[in-house]
PDB file of N, CA and C in Angstrom:
ATOM      1  N   MET A   1      17.487  -8.803   1.036  1.00  0.00           N
ATOM      2  CA  MET A   1      16.160  -8.762   1.709  1.00  0.00           C
ATOM      3  C   MET A   1      15.781 -10.266   1.887  1.00  0.00           C
ATOM      4  N   ALA A   2      15.228 -10.532   3.050  1.00  0.00           N
ATOM      5  CA  ALA A   2      14.898 -11.865   3.528  1.00  0.00           C
ATOM      6  C   ALA A   2      13.511 -12.087   2.751  1.00  0.00           C
ATOM      7  N   THR A   3      12.893 -13.215   2.394  1.00  0.00           N
ATOM      8  CA  THR A   3      11.733 -13.491   1.777  1.00  0.00           C
ATOM      9  C   THR A   3      10.672 -13.432   2.703  1.00  0.00           C
ATOM     10  N   ASP A   4      10.761 -13.175   4.035  1.00  0.00           N
ATOM     11  CA  ASP A   4       9.575 -12.947   4.985  1.00  0.00           C
ATOM     12  C   ASP A   4       9.213 -11.601   5.628  1.00  0.00           C
ATOM     13  N   GLU A   5      10.232 -10.676   4.784  1.00  0.00           N
ATOM     14  CA  GLU A   5       9.960  -9.148   5.119  1.00  0.00           C
ATOM     15  C   GLU A   5       8.673  -8.748   4.456  1.00  0.00           C
ATOM     16  N   LYS A   6       8.026  -8.039   5.381  1.00  0.00           N
ATOM     17  CA  LYS A   6       6.589  -7.451   4.778  1.00  0.00           C
ATOM     18  C   LYS A   6       6.504  -6.041   5.348  1.00  0.00           C
ATOM     19  N   ILE A   7       5.725  -5.213   4.583  1.00  0.00           N
ATOM     20  CA  ILE A   7       5.478  -3.865   5.068  1.00  0.00           C
ATOM     21  C   ILE A   7       3.938  -3.686   5.112  1.00  0.00           C
ATOM     22  N   LYS A   8       3.441  -3.032   6.069  1.00  0.00           N
ATOM     23  CA  LYS A   8       1.877  -2.731   5.874  1.00  0.00           C
ATOM     24  C   LYS A   8       1.595  -1.729   4.993  1.00  0.00           C
ATOM     25  N   LEU A   9       0.486  -1.652   4.377  1.00  0.00           N
ATOM     26  CA  LEU A   9       0.020  -0.890   3.226  1.00  0.00           C
ATOM     27  C   LEU A   9       0.031   0.454   3.725  1.00  0.00           C
ATOM     28  N   ASP A  10      -0.479   0.978   4.769  1.00  0.00           N
ATOM     29  CA  ASP A  10      -0.512   2.081   5.292  1.00  0.00           C
ATOM     30  C   ASP A  10       0.905   2.792   5.279  1.00  0.00           C
ATOM     31  N   GLN A  11       1.933   1.988   5.911  1.00  0.00           N
ATOM     32  CA  GLN A  11       3.300   2.410   5.972  1.00  0.00           C
ATOM     33  C   GLN A  11       3.961   2.597   4.621  1.00  0.00           C
ATOM     34  N   PHE A  12       3.598   1.549   3.687  1.00  0.00           N
ATOM     35  CA  PHE A  12       4.213   1.697   2.432  1.00  0.00           C
ATOM     36  C   PHE A  12       3.750   2.916   1.737  1.00  0.00           C
ATOM     37  N   LEU A  13       2.485   3.226   1.538  1.00  0.00           N
ATOM     38  CA  LEU A  13       1.949   4.416   1.171  1.00  0.00           C
ATOM     39  C   LEU A  13       2.509   5.673   1.675  1.00  0.00           C
ATOM     40  N   LYS A  14       2.915   5.892   3.004  1.00  0.00           N
ATOM     41  CA  LYS A  14       3.713   6.861   3.523  1.00  0.00           C
ATOM     42  C   LYS A  14       5.043   6.757   2.989  1.00  0.00           C
ATOM     43  N   MET A  15       5.865   5.817   3.052  1.00  0.00           N
ATOM     44  CA  MET A  15       7.045   5.682   2.663  1.00  0.00           C
ATOM     45  C   MET A  15       7.337   6.122   0.899  1.00  0.00           C
ATOM     46  N   LYS A  16       6.358   5.803   0.139  1.00  0.00           N
ATOM     47  CA  LYS A  16       6.388   6.175  -1.275  1.00  0.00           C
ATOM     48  C   LYS A  16       5.905   7.599  -1.463  1.00  0.00           C
ATOM     49  N   GLY A  17       5.537   8.274  -0.388  1.00  0.00           N
ATOM     50  CA  GLY A  17       5.072   9.697  -0.589  1.00  0.00           C
ATOM     51  C   GLY A  17       3.725  10.087  -1.121  1.00  0.00           C
ATOM     52  N   ILE A  18       2.718   8.854  -1.249  1.00  0.00           N
ATOM     53  CA  ILE A  18       1.625   8.994  -1.457  1.00  0.00           C
ATOM     54  C   ILE A  18       0.792   9.759  -0.725  1.00  0.00           C
ATOM     55  N   VAL A  19       0.910   9.584   0.518  1.00  0.00           N
ATOM     56  CA  VAL A  19       0.319  10.165   1.647  1.00  0.00           C
ATOM     57  C   VAL A  19       1.250  10.792   2.655  1.00  0.00           C
ATOM     58  N   GLU A  20       0.770  11.836   3.463  1.00  0.00           N
ATOM     59  CA  GLU A  20       1.919  12.227   4.562  1.00  0.00           C
ATOM     60  C   GLU A  20       1.725  11.801   5.683  1.00  0.00           C
ATOM     61  N   SER A  21       0.477  11.036   5.805  1.00  0.00           N
ATOM     62  CA  SER A  21       0.333  10.666   7.428  1.00  0.00           C
ATOM     63  C   SER A  21      -0.465   9.330   7.281  1.00  0.00           C
ATOM     64  N   GLY A  22      -0.313   8.699   8.487  1.00  0.00           N
ATOM     65  CA  GLY A  22      -1.231   7.463   8.561  1.00  0.00           C
ATOM     66  C   GLY A  22      -2.770   7.713   8.654  1.00  0.00           C
ATOM     67  N   GLY A  23      -3.008   8.937   9.003  1.00  0.00           N
ATOM     68  CA  GLY A  23      -4.532   9.192   8.918  1.00  0.00           C
ATOM     69  C   GLY A  23      -5.183   9.315   7.423  1.00  0.00           C
ATOM     70  N   GLN A  24      -4.064   9.987   6.626  1.00  0.00           N
ATOM     71  CA  GLN A  24      -4.513  10.270   5.312  1.00  0.00           C
ATOM     72  C   GLN A  24      -4.520   8.874   4.457  1.00  0.00           C
ATOM     73  N   ALA A  25      -3.510   7.954   4.762  1.00  0.00           N
ATOM     74  CA  ALA A  25      -3.473   6.517   4.374  1.00  0.00           C
ATOM     75  C   ALA A  25      -4.762   5.844   4.823  1.00  0.00           C
ATOM     76  N   LYS A  26      -5.390   5.921   6.015  1.00  0.00           N
ATOM     77  CA  LYS A  26      -6.459   5.282   6.559  1.00  0.00           C
ATOM     78  C   LYS A  26      -7.685   5.640   5.599  1.00  0.00           C
ATOM     79  N   VAL A  27      -7.716   6.970   5.302  1.00  0.00           N
ATOM     80  CA  VAL A  27      -8.772   7.514   4.585  1.00  0.00           C
ATOM     81  C   VAL A  27      -9.034   6.971   3.292  1.00  0.00           C
ATOM     82  N   LEU A  28      -7.814   6.983   2.477  1.00  0.00           N
ATOM     83  CA  LEU A  28      -7.503   6.701   1.181  1.00  0.00           C
ATOM     84  C   LEU A  28      -7.882   5.200   0.986  1.00  0.00           C
ATOM     85  N   ILE A  29      -7.367   4.315   1.834  1.00  0.00           N
ATOM     86  CA  ILE A  29      -7.702   2.960   1.838  1.00  0.00           C
ATOM     87  C   ILE A  29      -8.996   2.525   2.064  1.00  0.00           C
ATOM     88  N   GLN A  30      -9.831   3.135   3.087  1.00  0.00           N
ATOM     89  CA  GLN A  30     -11.042   2.966   3.527  1.00  0.00           C
ATOM     90  C   GLN A  30     -12.097   3.219   2.484  1.00  0.00           C
ATOM     91  N   ALA A  31     -11.707   4.347   1.707  1.00  0.00           N
ATOM     92  CA  ALA A  31     -12.606   4.890   0.683  1.00  0.00           C
ATOM     93  C   ALA A  31     -12.596   3.829  -0.553  1.00  0.00           C
ATOM     94  N   GLY A  32     -11.594   2.825  -0.665  1.00  0.00           N
ATOM     95  CA  GLY A  32     -11.649   1.833  -1.615  1.00  0.00           C
ATOM     96  C   GLY A  32     -10.786   2.405  -2.775  1.00  0.00           C
ATOM     97  N   GLU A  33      -9.898   3.393  -2.488  1.00  0.00           N
ATOM     98  CA  GLU A  33      -8.945   4.011  -3.453  1.00  0.00           C
ATOM     99  C   GLU A  33      -7.715   3.315  -3.767  1.00  0.00           C
ATOM    100  N   VAL A  34      -7.608   2.076  -2.951  1.00  0.00           N
ATOM    101  CA  VAL A  34      -6.387   1.572  -3.394  1.00  0.00           C
ATOM    102  C   VAL A  34      -6.572  -0.006  -3.814  1.00  0.00           C
ATOM    103  N   LYS A  35      -5.584  -0.480  -4.702  1.00  0.00           N
ATOM    104  CA  LYS A  35      -5.756  -1.814  -5.172  1.00  0.00           C
ATOM    105  C   LYS A  35      -4.355  -2.485  -4.703  1.00  0.00           C
ATOM    106  N   VAL A  36      -4.454  -3.568  -4.541  1.00  0.00           N
ATOM    107  CA  VAL A  36      -3.308  -4.555  -4.416  1.00  0.00           C
ATOM    108  C   VAL A  36      -3.492  -5.705  -5.351  1.00  0.00           C
ATOM    109  N   ASN A  37      -2.444  -5.790  -6.403  1.00  0.00           N
ATOM    110  CA  ASN A  37      -2.526  -6.963  -7.113  1.00  0.00           C
ATOM    111  C   ASN A  37      -3.937  -7.075  -7.788  1.00  0.00           C
ATOM    112  N   GLY A  38      -4.528  -5.819  -8.189  1.00  0.00           N
ATOM    113  CA  GLY A  38      -5.883  -5.668  -8.991  1.00  0.00           C
ATOM    114  C   GLY A  38      -7.018  -5.828  -8.151  1.00  0.00           C
ATOM    115  N   GLN A  39      -6.916  -6.161  -6.815  1.00  0.00           N
ATOM    116  CA  GLN A  39      -7.973  -6.073  -5.924  1.00  0.00           C
ATOM    117  C   GLN A  39      -8.393  -5.091  -5.182  1.00  0.00           C
ATOM    118  N   VAL A  40      -9.479  -4.494  -4.993  1.00  0.00           N
ATOM    119  CA  VAL A  40      -9.615  -3.258  -3.907  1.00  0.00           C
ATOM    120  C   VAL A  40      -9.247  -3.706  -2.489  1.00  0.00           C
ATOM    121  N   GLU A  41      -8.296  -3.075  -1.761  1.00  0.00           N
ATOM    122  CA  GLU A  41      -8.007  -3.506  -0.312  1.00  0.00           C
ATOM    123  C   GLU A  41      -8.257  -2.360   0.383  1.00  0.00           C
ATOM    124  N   THR A  42      -9.281  -2.608   1.461  1.00  0.00           N
ATOM    125  CA  THR A  42      -9.772  -1.881   2.566  1.00  0.00           C
ATOM    126  C   THR A  42      -8.821  -1.927   3.909  1.00  0.00           C
ATOM    127  N   ARG A  43      -8.030  -2.893   3.940  1.00  0.00           N
ATOM    128  CA  ARG A  43      -7.253  -3.264   5.305  1.00  0.00           C
ATOM    129  C   ARG A  43      -5.892  -2.272   5.282  1.00  0.00           C
ATOM    130  N   ARG A  44      -5.711  -1.349   6.049  1.00  0.00           N
ATOM    131  CA  ARG A  44      -4.575  -0.751   5.953  1.00  0.00           C
ATOM    132  C   ARG A  44      -3.682  -1.591   6.624  1.00  0.00           C
ATOM    133  N   GLY A  45      -3.607  -2.468   7.317  1.00  0.00           N
ATOM    134  CA  GLY A  45      -2.738  -3.465   7.947  1.00  0.00           C
ATOM    135  C   GLY A  45      -2.264  -4.564   7.047  1.00  0.00           C
ATOM    136  N   ARG A  46      -2.851  -4.597   5.823  1.00  0.00           N
ATOM    137  CA  ARG A  46      -2.718  -5.650   4.861  1.00  0.00           C
ATOM    138  C   ARG A  46      -0.994  -5.556   4.647  1.00  0.00           C
ATOM    139  N   LYS A  47      -0.469  -6.706   4.885  1.00  0.00           N
ATOM    140  CA  LYS A  47       1.043  -7.068   4.593  1.00  0.00           C
ATOM    141  C   LYS A  47       1.368  -6.983   3.172  1.00  0.00           C
ATOM    142  N   LEU A  48       2.165  -6.336   2.799  1.00  0.00           N
ATOM    143  CA  LEU A  48       2.611  -6.363   1.386  1.00  0.00           C
ATOM    144  C   LEU A  48       4.093  -7.126   1.365  1.00  0.00           C
ATOM    145  N   ILE A  49       4.254  -7.893   0.180  1.00  0.00           N
ATOM    146  CA  ILE A  49       5.639  -8.363   0.149  1.00  0.00           C
ATOM    147  C   ILE A  49       6.124  -8.051  -1.358  1.00  0.00           C
ATOM    148  N   LYS A  50       7.538  -8.373  -1.449  1.00  0.00           N
ATOM    149  CA  LYS A  50       8.185  -7.924  -2.646  1.00  0.00           C
ATOM    150  C   LYS A  50       7.617  -8.245  -3.806  1.00  0.00           C
ATOM    151  N   GLY A  51       7.173  -7.518  -4.784  1.00  0.00           N
ATOM    152  CA  GLY A  51       6.772  -8.215  -6.082  1.00  0.00           C
ATOM    153  C   GLY A  51       5.146  -7.808  -6.135  1.00  0.00           C
ATOM    154  N   ASP A  52       4.498  -7.442  -4.877  1.00  0.00           N
ATOM    155  CA  ASP A  52       3.251  -7.066  -4.829  1.00  0.00           C
ATOM    156  C   ASP A  52       2.988  -5.676  -5.734  1.00  0.00           C
ATOM    157  N   ARG A  53       1.936  -5.340  -6.301  1.00  0.00           N
ATOM    158  CA  ARG A  53       1.629  -4.063  -7.224  1.00  0.00           C
ATOM    159  C   ARG A  53       0.564  -3.410  -6.533  1.00  0.00           C
ATOM    160  N   VAL A  54       0.894  -2.133  -6.038  1.00  0.00           N
ATOM    161  CA  VAL A  54      -0.236  -1.223  -5.433  1.00  0.00           C
ATOM    162  C   VAL A  54      -0.702  -0.139  -6.581  1.00  0.00           C
ATOM    163  N   PHE A  55      -1.976   0.059  -6.603  1.00  0.00           N
ATOM    164  CA  PHE A  55      -2.590   0.930  -7.431  1.00  0.00           C
ATOM    165  C   PHE A  55      -3.347   1.995  -6.767  1.00  0.00           C
ATOM    166  N   THR A  56      -2.796   3.235  -6.999  1.00  0.00           N
ATOM    167  CA  THR A  56      -3.753   4.504  -6.284  1.00  0.00           C
ATOM    168  C   THR A  56      -3.530   5.558  -6.846  1.00  0.00           C
ATOM    169  N   MET A  57      -4.170   6.630  -6.978  1.00  0.00           N
ATOM    170  CA  MET A  57      -3.959   7.820  -7.375  1.00  0.00           C
ATOM    171  C   MET A  57      -3.698   8.119  -8.746  1.00  0.00           C
ATOM    172  N   GLY A  58      -4.066   6.862  -9.604  1.00  0.00           N
ATOM    173  CA  GLY A  58      -3.853   6.938 -10.939  1.00  0.00           C
ATOM    174  C   GLY A  58      -2.262   6.238 -11.459  1.00  0.00           C
ATOM    175  N   GLU A  59      -1.736   5.773 -10.375  1.00  0.00           N
ATOM    176  CA  GLU A  59      -0.377   5.249 -10.768  1.00  0.00           C
ATOM    177  C   GLU A  59      -0.164   3.661 -10.021  1.00  0.00           C
ATOM    178  N   TYR A  60       0.725   2.795 -10.757  1.00  0.00           N
ATOM    179  CA  TYR A  60       1.097   1.702 -10.052  1.00  0.00           C
ATOM    180  C   TYR A  60       2.480   1.875  -9.427  1.00  0.00           C
ATOM    181  N   ILE A  61       2.624   1.095  -8.365  1.00  0.00           N
ATOM    182  CA  ILE A  61       4.029   1.103  -7.600  1.00  0.00           C
ATOM    183  C   ILE A  61       4.216  -0.241  -7.121  1.00  0.00           C
ATOM    184  N   LYS A  62       5.182  -0.650  -7.712  1.00  0.00           N
ATOM    185  CA  LYS A  62       5.691  -2.001  -7.262  1.00  0.00           C
ATOM    186  C   LYS A  62       6.569  -2.072  -5.974  1.00  0.00           C
ATOM    187  N   VAL A  63       6.138  -2.982  -5.037  1.00  0.00           N
ATOM    188  CA  VAL A  63       6.778  -3.206  -3.874  1.00  0.00           C
ATOM    189  C   VAL A  63       8.175  -3.806  -3.910  1.00  0.00           C
ATOM    190  N   ASP A  64       8.983  -2.938  -3.408  1.00  0.00           N
ATOM    191  CA  ASP A  64      10.389  -3.526  -3.585  1.00  0.00           C
ATOM    192  C   ASP A  64      11.056  -3.521  -2.321  1.00  0.00           C
ATOM    193  N   VAL A  65      10.291  -3.620  -1.185  1.00  0.00           N
ATOM    194  CA  VAL A  65      10.940  -3.471  -0.054  1.00  0.00           C
ATOM    195  C   VAL A  65      10.649  -4.950   0.961  1.00  0.00           C
TER     196      VAL A  65
END
């Protein structure tokens, strides 16, 4: 993986099966239910990079893409 590869937060949540659709991701993110590296993130377009940690729905998911 190149170091400049990124994935949007909403796409990551769909890919990991946390949500089924972009609409569900939007609601979850805008409700303040998602943290990235310990900080609440309300932007669904937030770019994630390898090594970021996402916390939502009671679990941590390490970004590996």
